[in-house]
């Protein structure tokens, strides 16, 4: 089933300042001005979308497994080649930080399912974007992360 998604971006005062609004009236301020920015850049907004999308997936999967999450955050860094036109993303690195009563195997499974199958934002990225990830669980950096399939983006692990 095809779902229609519609947003609107309206130019504001300032050279590159836009306000994006969805059908429910929720707004995001976007701006490309480095010196006096009035919002996030469009690429920062895209990275936030990836974090939010994958975060919802991981929380849902862990909740289904009766996991207790006390704190959860996702930090994403992106890289682009500004000498290219367009200066599109070429890589992103995702760090999942989770505190709670959840088993490592369940956390890794939830992240793997999100990145490989369920996160529409990740799957919407160009196939030239390299994605790597890391996980900190209860303050411990996890080693031996699972291999991820190559889908529409190329995955690697940190």
N, C-alpha and C. Protein backbone atom coordinates (compact mmCIF):
# COMPACT_ATOMS: atom_id res chain seq x y z
N UNK A 1 0.83 -1.16 0.00
CA UNK A 1 0.00 0.00 0.00
C UNK A 1 0.89 1.25 0.00
N UNK A 2 0.65 2.14 -0.91
CA UNK A 2 1.41 3.38 -1.02
C UNK A 2 0.82 4.42 -0.07
N UNK A 3 1.68 5.04 0.73
CA UNK A 3 1.26 6.08 1.65
C UNK A 3 1.80 7.42 1.14
N UNK A 4 0.94 8.39 1.05
CA UNK A 4 1.34 9.72 0.63
C UNK A 4 1.82 10.49 1.85
N UNK A 5 3.00 11.10 1.73
CA UNK A 5 3.56 11.92 2.79
C UNK A 5 3.78 13.31 2.21
N UNK A 6 3.25 14.31 2.89
CA UNK A 6 3.34 15.66 2.37
C UNK A 6 3.82 16.61 3.44
N UNK A 7 4.80 17.44 3.09
CA UNK A 7 5.28 18.50 3.97
C UNK A 7 5.37 19.78 3.14
N UNK A 8 5.52 20.88 3.83
CA UNK A 8 5.63 22.18 3.15
C UNK A 8 6.81 22.93 3.77
N UNK A 9 7.61 23.59 2.95
CA UNK A 9 8.69 24.44 3.43
C UNK A 9 8.45 25.85 2.93
N UNK A 10 8.41 26.80 3.85
CA UNK A 10 8.16 28.20 3.49
C UNK A 10 9.37 29.05 3.85
N UNK A 11 9.80 29.88 2.91
CA UNK A 11 10.92 30.77 3.13
C UNK A 11 10.55 31.81 4.19
N UNK A 12 11.51 32.08 5.07
CA UNK A 12 11.35 33.04 6.15
C UNK A 12 12.29 34.22 5.90
N UNK A 13 12.35 35.13 6.86
CA UNK A 13 13.34 36.21 6.78
C UNK A 13 14.73 35.59 6.81
N UNK A 14 15.64 36.15 6.07
CA UNK A 14 16.98 35.59 5.98
C UNK A 14 17.14 34.87 4.65
N UNK A 15 18.36 34.77 4.20
CA UNK A 15 18.64 34.25 2.86
C UNK A 15 18.20 32.80 2.67
N UNK A 16 18.53 31.94 3.63
CA UNK A 16 18.29 30.50 3.46
C UNK A 16 17.39 29.91 4.54
N UNK A 17 16.64 30.71 5.25
CA UNK A 17 15.84 30.21 6.37
C UNK A 17 14.47 29.75 5.87
N UNK A 18 14.15 28.49 6.19
CA UNK A 18 12.86 27.91 5.84
C UNK A 18 12.25 27.27 7.08
N UNK A 19 10.94 27.26 7.14
CA UNK A 19 10.21 26.51 8.17
C UNK A 19 9.47 25.38 7.44
N UNK A 20 9.79 24.15 7.84
CA UNK A 20 9.09 22.99 7.30
C UNK A 20 7.94 22.63 8.22
N UNK A 21 6.79 22.33 7.63
CA UNK A 21 5.60 21.99 8.41
C UNK A 21 4.98 20.71 7.86
N UNK A 22 4.60 19.81 8.76
CA UNK A 22 3.91 18.59 8.31
C UNK A 22 2.40 18.78 8.41
N UNK A 23 1.66 17.72 8.05
CA UNK A 23 0.19 17.82 8.02
C UNK A 23 -0.42 18.08 9.39
N UNK A 24 0.30 17.75 10.46
CA UNK A 24 -0.21 17.97 11.82
C UNK A 24 0.19 19.33 12.39
N UNK A 25 0.91 20.11 11.60
CA UNK A 25 1.33 21.42 12.05
C UNK A 25 2.66 21.46 12.80
N UNK A 26 3.33 20.32 12.94
CA UNK A 26 4.64 20.30 13.60
C UNK A 26 5.66 20.95 12.67
N UNK A 27 6.55 21.74 13.27
CA UNK A 27 7.47 22.52 12.46
C UNK A 27 8.93 22.25 12.78
N UNK A 28 9.76 22.45 11.75
CA UNK A 28 11.21 22.36 11.87
C UNK A 28 11.79 23.59 11.19
N UNK A 29 12.70 24.26 11.88
CA UNK A 29 13.38 25.42 11.32
C UNK A 29 14.67 24.95 10.67
N UNK A 30 14.86 25.33 9.39
CA UNK A 30 16.05 24.92 8.63
C UNK A 30 16.74 26.16 8.07
N UNK A 31 18.06 26.13 8.07
CA UNK A 31 18.84 27.26 7.58
C UNK A 31 20.23 26.76 7.19
N UNK A 32 20.75 27.27 6.11
CA UNK A 32 22.10 26.89 5.67
C UNK A 32 23.14 27.94 6.03
N UNK A 33 22.73 29.02 6.62
CA UNK A 33 23.64 30.11 6.95
C UNK A 33 24.55 29.68 8.09
N UNK A 34 25.86 29.64 7.84
CA UNK A 34 26.82 29.20 8.86
C UNK A 34 26.96 30.20 10.00
N UNK A 35 26.94 31.50 9.69
CA UNK A 35 27.27 32.50 10.70
C UNK A 35 26.11 32.85 11.63
N UNK A 36 24.91 32.91 11.12
CA UNK A 36 23.76 33.33 11.93
C UNK A 36 22.59 32.39 11.68
N UNK A 37 22.83 31.10 11.87
CA UNK A 37 21.83 30.08 11.56
C UNK A 37 20.61 30.20 12.45
N UNK A 38 19.45 30.03 11.83
CA UNK A 38 18.19 30.06 12.56
C UNK A 38 17.56 28.67 12.66
N UNK A 39 18.33 27.65 12.32
CA UNK A 39 17.82 26.29 12.38
C UNK A 39 18.86 25.28 11.95
N UNK A 40 18.42 24.05 11.82
CA UNK A 40 19.32 23.00 11.37
C UNK A 40 19.47 23.07 9.86
N UNK A 41 20.60 22.59 9.35
CA UNK A 41 20.77 22.52 7.91
C UNK A 41 19.90 21.38 7.38
N UNK A 42 19.57 21.39 6.09
CA UNK A 42 18.78 20.28 5.55
C UNK A 42 19.44 18.91 5.78
N UNK A 43 20.78 18.83 5.66
CA UNK A 43 21.44 17.54 5.89
C UNK A 43 21.42 17.15 7.37
N UNK A 44 21.54 18.12 8.27
CA UNK A 44 21.39 17.81 9.69
C UNK A 44 19.99 17.28 9.97
N UNK A 45 18.99 17.87 9.33
CA UNK A 45 17.61 17.42 9.50
C UNK A 45 17.46 15.99 8.98
N UNK A 46 18.12 15.68 7.87
CA UNK A 46 18.10 14.32 7.33
C UNK A 46 18.73 13.33 8.32
N UNK A 47 19.87 13.70 8.90
CA UNK A 47 20.51 12.82 9.88
C UNK A 47 19.64 12.65 11.12
N UNK A 48 18.96 13.71 11.55
CA UNK A 48 18.03 13.59 12.67
C UNK A 48 16.89 12.64 12.33
N UNK A 49 16.46 12.66 11.08
CA UNK A 49 15.40 11.74 10.64
C UNK A 49 15.87 10.29 10.73
N UNK A 50 17.10 10.03 10.32
CA UNK A 50 17.66 8.68 10.43
C UNK A 50 17.72 8.26 11.90
N UNK A 51 18.19 9.16 12.77
CA UNK A 51 18.28 8.85 14.20
C UNK A 51 16.90 8.57 14.79
N UNK A 52 15.94 9.42 14.47
CA UNK A 52 14.59 9.22 14.99
C UNK A 52 13.95 7.95 14.50
N UNK A 53 14.11 7.68 13.21
CA UNK A 53 13.51 6.48 12.60
C UNK A 53 14.09 5.21 13.20
N UNK A 54 15.42 5.12 13.24
CA UNK A 54 16.06 3.93 13.81
C UNK A 54 15.79 3.84 15.30
N UNK A 55 15.77 4.97 16.00
CA UNK A 55 15.50 4.97 17.43
C UNK A 55 14.13 4.41 17.76
N UNK A 56 13.13 4.81 16.99
CA UNK A 56 11.77 4.29 17.20
C UNK A 56 11.76 2.77 17.00
N UNK A 57 12.43 2.32 15.94
CA UNK A 57 12.50 0.87 15.69
C UNK A 57 13.12 0.14 16.87
N UNK A 58 14.29 0.59 17.30
CA UNK A 58 15.02 -0.11 18.36
C UNK A 58 14.22 -0.12 19.66
N UNK A 59 13.65 1.01 20.03
CA UNK A 59 12.82 1.07 21.25
C UNK A 59 11.63 0.12 21.15
N UNK A 60 10.96 0.12 20.00
CA UNK A 60 9.81 -0.78 19.81
C UNK A 60 10.23 -2.25 19.95
N UNK A 61 11.32 -2.64 19.30
CA UNK A 61 11.77 -4.03 19.36
C UNK A 61 12.13 -4.43 20.78
N UNK A 62 12.84 -3.54 21.50
CA UNK A 62 13.24 -3.86 22.88
C UNK A 62 12.04 -3.88 23.82
N UNK A 63 11.07 -3.02 23.58
CA UNK A 63 9.84 -3.03 24.39
C UNK A 63 9.09 -4.35 24.20
N UNK A 64 9.05 -4.84 22.96
CA UNK A 64 8.40 -6.13 22.69
C UNK A 64 9.08 -7.27 23.44
N UNK A 65 10.37 -7.12 23.70
CA UNK A 65 11.14 -8.14 24.41
C UNK A 65 11.13 -7.90 25.92
N UNK A 66 10.27 -7.00 26.40
CA UNK A 66 10.15 -6.65 27.82
C UNK A 66 11.43 -6.06 28.39
N UNK A 67 12.20 -5.38 27.53
CA UNK A 67 13.39 -4.69 28.00
C UNK A 67 13.01 -3.40 28.70
N UNK A 68 13.80 -3.00 29.68
CA UNK A 68 13.59 -1.75 30.40
C UNK A 68 14.69 -0.79 29.96
N UNK A 69 14.31 0.31 29.32
CA UNK A 69 15.27 1.29 28.85
C UNK A 69 15.19 2.52 29.76
N UNK A 70 16.31 2.83 30.41
CA UNK A 70 16.36 4.01 31.28
C UNK A 70 16.84 5.24 30.51
N UNK A 71 17.71 5.04 29.55
CA UNK A 71 18.24 6.15 28.76
C UNK A 71 18.64 5.61 27.39
N UNK A 72 18.37 6.39 26.37
CA UNK A 72 18.66 5.94 25.00
C UNK A 72 18.95 7.17 24.16
N UNK A 73 20.05 7.14 23.45
CA UNK A 73 20.35 8.23 22.52
C UNK A 73 21.08 7.67 21.31
N UNK A 74 20.98 8.42 20.23
CA UNK A 74 21.68 8.06 19.00
C UNK A 74 22.42 9.31 18.53
N UNK A 75 23.70 9.14 18.28
CA UNK A 75 24.52 10.23 17.76
C UNK A 75 24.96 9.83 16.35
N UNK A 76 24.77 10.73 15.40
CA UNK A 76 25.15 10.42 14.02
C UNK A 76 26.06 11.52 13.49
N UNK A 77 27.14 11.10 12.87
CA UNK A 77 28.01 12.01 12.13
C UNK A 77 27.91 11.66 10.66
N UNK A 78 27.88 12.67 9.84
CA UNK A 78 27.82 12.45 8.40
C UNK A 78 28.99 13.11 7.70
N UNK A 79 29.37 12.57 6.55
CA UNK A 79 30.45 13.12 5.75
C UNK A 79 29.96 13.34 4.34
N UNK A 80 30.41 14.47 3.79
CA UNK A 80 30.09 14.75 2.40
C UNK A 80 31.30 15.38 1.74
N UNK A 81 31.37 15.25 0.44
CA UNK A 81 32.46 15.80 -0.35
C UNK A 81 31.98 17.12 -0.93
N UNK A 82 32.42 18.23 -0.32
CA UNK A 82 31.94 19.54 -0.74
C UNK A 82 32.52 19.97 -2.09
N UNK A 83 33.49 19.20 -2.62
CA UNK A 83 34.01 19.53 -3.95
C UNK A 83 33.10 18.98 -5.05
N UNK A 84 32.15 18.14 -4.68
CA UNK A 84 31.22 17.54 -5.63
C UNK A 84 29.91 18.33 -5.66
N UNK A 85 29.25 18.29 -6.80
CA UNK A 85 27.92 18.89 -6.92
C UNK A 85 26.96 17.79 -7.36
N UNK A 86 25.97 17.45 -6.57
CA UNK A 86 25.69 18.01 -5.24
C UNK A 86 26.66 17.47 -4.20
N UNK A 87 26.81 18.19 -3.11
CA UNK A 87 27.69 17.78 -2.01
C UNK A 87 26.91 16.83 -1.11
N UNK A 88 26.54 15.69 -1.67
CA UNK A 88 25.69 14.71 -0.98
C UNK A 88 26.46 13.95 0.09
N UNK A 89 25.72 13.34 0.99
CA UNK A 89 26.33 12.49 2.01
C UNK A 89 27.05 11.33 1.34
N UNK A 90 28.24 11.01 1.85
CA UNK A 90 29.00 9.85 1.36
C UNK A 90 29.15 8.80 2.45
N UNK A 91 28.94 9.20 3.70
CA UNK A 91 29.04 8.25 4.79
C UNK A 91 28.38 8.78 6.04
N UNK A 92 27.86 7.86 6.85
CA UNK A 92 27.35 8.22 8.16
C UNK A 92 27.81 7.18 9.17
N UNK A 93 28.07 7.66 10.38
CA UNK A 93 28.47 6.80 11.47
C UNK A 93 27.44 6.98 12.59
N UNK A 94 26.85 5.88 13.01
CA UNK A 94 25.77 5.90 14.00
C UNK A 94 26.28 5.28 15.30
N UNK A 95 26.11 6.01 16.40
CA UNK A 95 26.46 5.46 17.72
C UNK A 95 25.19 5.38 18.56
N UNK A 96 24.81 4.16 18.91
CA UNK A 96 23.66 3.90 19.77
C UNK A 96 24.17 3.81 21.21
N UNK A 97 23.59 4.57 22.12
CA UNK A 97 23.95 4.50 23.54
C UNK A 97 22.69 4.15 24.33
N UNK A 98 22.75 3.02 25.02
CA UNK A 98 21.58 2.51 25.73
C UNK A 98 21.95 2.18 27.17
N UNK A 99 21.09 2.62 28.08
CA UNK A 99 21.20 2.26 29.50
C UNK A 99 19.91 1.55 29.87
N UNK A 100 20.03 0.42 30.52
CA UNK A 100 18.82 -0.25 30.95
C UNK A 100 19.02 -1.73 31.18
N UNK A 101 17.90 -2.38 31.41
CA UNK A 101 17.89 -3.82 31.65
C UNK A 101 17.47 -4.51 30.35
N UNK A 102 18.45 -4.62 29.45
CA UNK A 102 18.23 -5.25 28.16
C UNK A 102 19.43 -6.14 27.85
N UNK A 103 19.16 -7.26 27.22
CA UNK A 103 20.24 -8.18 26.88
C UNK A 103 20.96 -7.71 25.63
N UNK A 104 22.27 -7.87 25.64
CA UNK A 104 23.10 -7.46 24.51
C UNK A 104 22.60 -8.07 23.20
N UNK A 105 22.27 -9.35 23.22
CA UNK A 105 21.82 -10.02 21.99
C UNK A 105 20.54 -9.38 21.45
N UNK A 106 19.65 -8.96 22.34
CA UNK A 106 18.40 -8.32 21.91
C UNK A 106 18.66 -6.92 21.34
N UNK A 107 19.59 -6.18 21.95
CA UNK A 107 19.95 -4.86 21.45
C UNK A 107 20.52 -4.97 20.04
N UNK A 108 21.46 -5.89 19.86
CA UNK A 108 22.09 -6.05 18.55
C UNK A 108 21.09 -6.51 17.50
N UNK A 109 20.19 -7.38 17.87
CA UNK A 109 19.16 -7.84 16.94
C UNK A 109 18.24 -6.68 16.55
N UNK A 110 17.86 -5.85 17.53
CA UNK A 110 16.99 -4.71 17.26
C UNK A 110 17.66 -3.72 16.30
N UNK A 111 18.93 -3.44 16.53
CA UNK A 111 19.66 -2.51 15.66
C UNK A 111 19.80 -3.10 14.26
N UNK A 112 20.14 -4.35 14.19
CA UNK A 112 20.30 -5.03 12.89
C UNK A 112 18.98 -4.98 12.10
N UNK A 113 17.87 -5.29 12.75
CA UNK A 113 16.57 -5.24 12.07
C UNK A 113 16.24 -3.82 11.60
N UNK A 114 16.52 -2.85 12.45
CA UNK A 114 16.25 -1.46 12.07
C UNK A 114 17.06 -1.06 10.84
N UNK A 115 18.37 -1.28 10.89
CA UNK A 115 19.24 -0.83 9.80
C UNK A 115 19.02 -1.60 8.50
N UNK A 116 18.76 -2.89 8.62
CA UNK A 116 18.63 -3.71 7.41
C UNK A 116 17.24 -3.73 6.80
N UNK A 117 16.22 -3.52 7.63
CA UNK A 117 14.88 -3.79 7.12
C UNK A 117 13.86 -2.69 7.37
N UNK A 118 13.78 -2.16 8.58
CA UNK A 118 12.63 -1.36 8.95
C UNK A 118 12.79 0.16 8.87
N UNK A 119 13.99 0.68 9.01
CA UNK A 119 14.16 2.13 9.03
C UNK A 119 14.07 2.70 7.62
N UNK A 120 12.92 3.30 7.30
CA UNK A 120 12.68 3.85 5.96
C UNK A 120 13.65 4.98 5.64
N UNK A 121 14.06 5.74 6.64
CA UNK A 121 15.00 6.84 6.39
C UNK A 121 16.35 6.31 5.91
N UNK A 122 16.85 5.25 6.54
CA UNK A 122 18.12 4.64 6.10
C UNK A 122 17.95 4.07 4.69
N UNK A 123 16.86 3.38 4.46
CA UNK A 123 16.64 2.74 3.16
C UNK A 123 16.43 3.76 2.05
N UNK A 124 16.12 5.00 2.40
CA UNK A 124 15.90 6.04 1.40
C UNK A 124 17.21 6.73 0.97
N UNK A 125 18.31 6.42 1.66
CA UNK A 125 19.59 7.02 1.30
C UNK A 125 20.13 6.41 0.00
N UNK A 126 20.93 7.18 -0.69
CA UNK A 126 21.57 6.73 -1.92
C UNK A 126 22.50 5.55 -1.63
N UNK A 127 22.67 4.67 -2.60
CA UNK A 127 23.50 3.49 -2.39
C UNK A 127 25.00 3.80 -2.30
N UNK A 128 25.38 5.04 -2.48
CA UNK A 128 26.78 5.44 -2.33
C UNK A 128 27.12 5.86 -0.90
N UNK A 129 26.13 5.85 0.00
CA UNK A 129 26.35 6.26 1.38
C UNK A 129 26.80 5.06 2.20
N UNK A 130 28.02 5.14 2.74
CA UNK A 130 28.53 4.08 3.60
C UNK A 130 28.01 4.32 5.02
N UNK A 131 27.44 3.30 5.64
CA UNK A 131 26.90 3.41 6.99
C UNK A 131 27.67 2.48 7.91
N UNK A 132 28.24 3.05 8.99
CA UNK A 132 28.82 2.19 10.01
C UNK A 132 28.17 2.52 11.35
N UNK A 133 28.33 1.63 12.30
CA UNK A 133 27.64 1.82 13.58
C UNK A 133 28.46 1.28 14.73
N UNK A 134 28.16 1.80 15.90
CA UNK A 134 28.74 1.33 17.14
C UNK A 134 27.66 1.31 18.21
N UNK A 135 27.92 0.58 19.29
CA UNK A 135 26.92 0.45 20.36
C UNK A 135 27.62 0.54 21.72
N UNK A 136 27.05 1.36 22.58
CA UNK A 136 27.46 1.41 23.98
C UNK A 136 26.25 0.97 24.80
N UNK A 137 26.43 -0.10 25.58
CA UNK A 137 25.34 -0.64 26.40
C UNK A 137 25.77 -0.56 27.86
N UNK A 138 25.02 0.20 28.64
CA UNK A 138 25.32 0.39 30.06
C UNK A 138 26.77 0.81 30.28
N UNK A 139 27.24 1.73 29.43
CA UNK A 139 28.58 2.29 29.55
C UNK A 139 29.68 1.48 28.92
N UNK A 140 29.38 0.28 28.43
CA UNK A 140 30.39 -0.59 27.84
C UNK A 140 30.27 -0.57 26.32
N UNK A 141 31.40 -0.31 25.64
CA UNK A 141 31.42 -0.34 24.18
C UNK A 141 31.39 -1.80 23.75
N UNK A 142 30.38 -2.16 22.96
CA UNK A 142 30.24 -3.54 22.52
C UNK A 142 31.21 -3.85 21.39
N UNK A 143 31.80 -5.03 21.46
CA UNK A 143 32.71 -5.52 20.42
C UNK A 143 31.99 -6.63 19.66
N UNK A 144 32.60 -7.11 18.62
CA UNK A 144 32.05 -8.21 17.82
C UNK A 144 30.62 -7.94 17.37
N UNK A 145 30.43 -6.79 16.75
CA UNK A 145 29.11 -6.43 16.25
C UNK A 145 28.74 -7.33 15.08
N UNK A 146 27.45 -7.59 14.89
CA UNK A 146 27.03 -8.49 13.81
C UNK A 146 27.27 -7.87 12.44
N UNK A 147 27.49 -8.73 11.48
CA UNK A 147 27.59 -8.28 10.09
C UNK A 147 26.21 -7.85 9.62
N UNK A 148 26.18 -6.83 8.81
CA UNK A 148 24.92 -6.37 8.23
C UNK A 148 24.93 -6.67 6.74
N UNK A 149 23.77 -6.99 6.22
CA UNK A 149 23.64 -7.25 4.79
C UNK A 149 23.85 -5.96 4.01
N UNK A 150 24.24 -6.11 2.76
CA UNK A 150 24.31 -4.94 1.90
C UNK A 150 22.96 -4.81 1.20
N UNK A 151 22.28 -3.72 1.53
CA UNK A 151 20.98 -3.45 0.89
C UNK A 151 21.16 -2.23 0.02
N UNK A 152 20.33 -1.24 0.18
CA UNK A 152 20.44 -0.05 -0.66
C UNK A 152 21.57 0.87 -0.22
N UNK A 153 22.11 0.65 0.97
CA UNK A 153 23.30 1.38 1.40
C UNK A 153 24.34 0.36 1.78
N UNK A 154 25.60 0.73 1.75
CA UNK A 154 26.63 -0.24 2.13
C UNK A 154 26.91 -0.09 3.62
N UNK A 155 26.83 -1.19 4.34
CA UNK A 155 26.99 -1.18 5.78
C UNK A 155 28.36 -1.69 6.18
N UNK A 156 28.90 -1.13 7.23
CA UNK A 156 30.11 -1.65 7.84
C UNK A 156 29.95 -1.46 9.34
N UNK A 157 30.90 -1.96 10.12
CA UNK A 157 30.77 -1.79 11.56
C UNK A 157 32.03 -1.13 12.10
N UNK A 158 31.86 -0.42 13.23
CA UNK A 158 32.99 0.27 13.87
C UNK A 158 33.61 -0.64 14.90
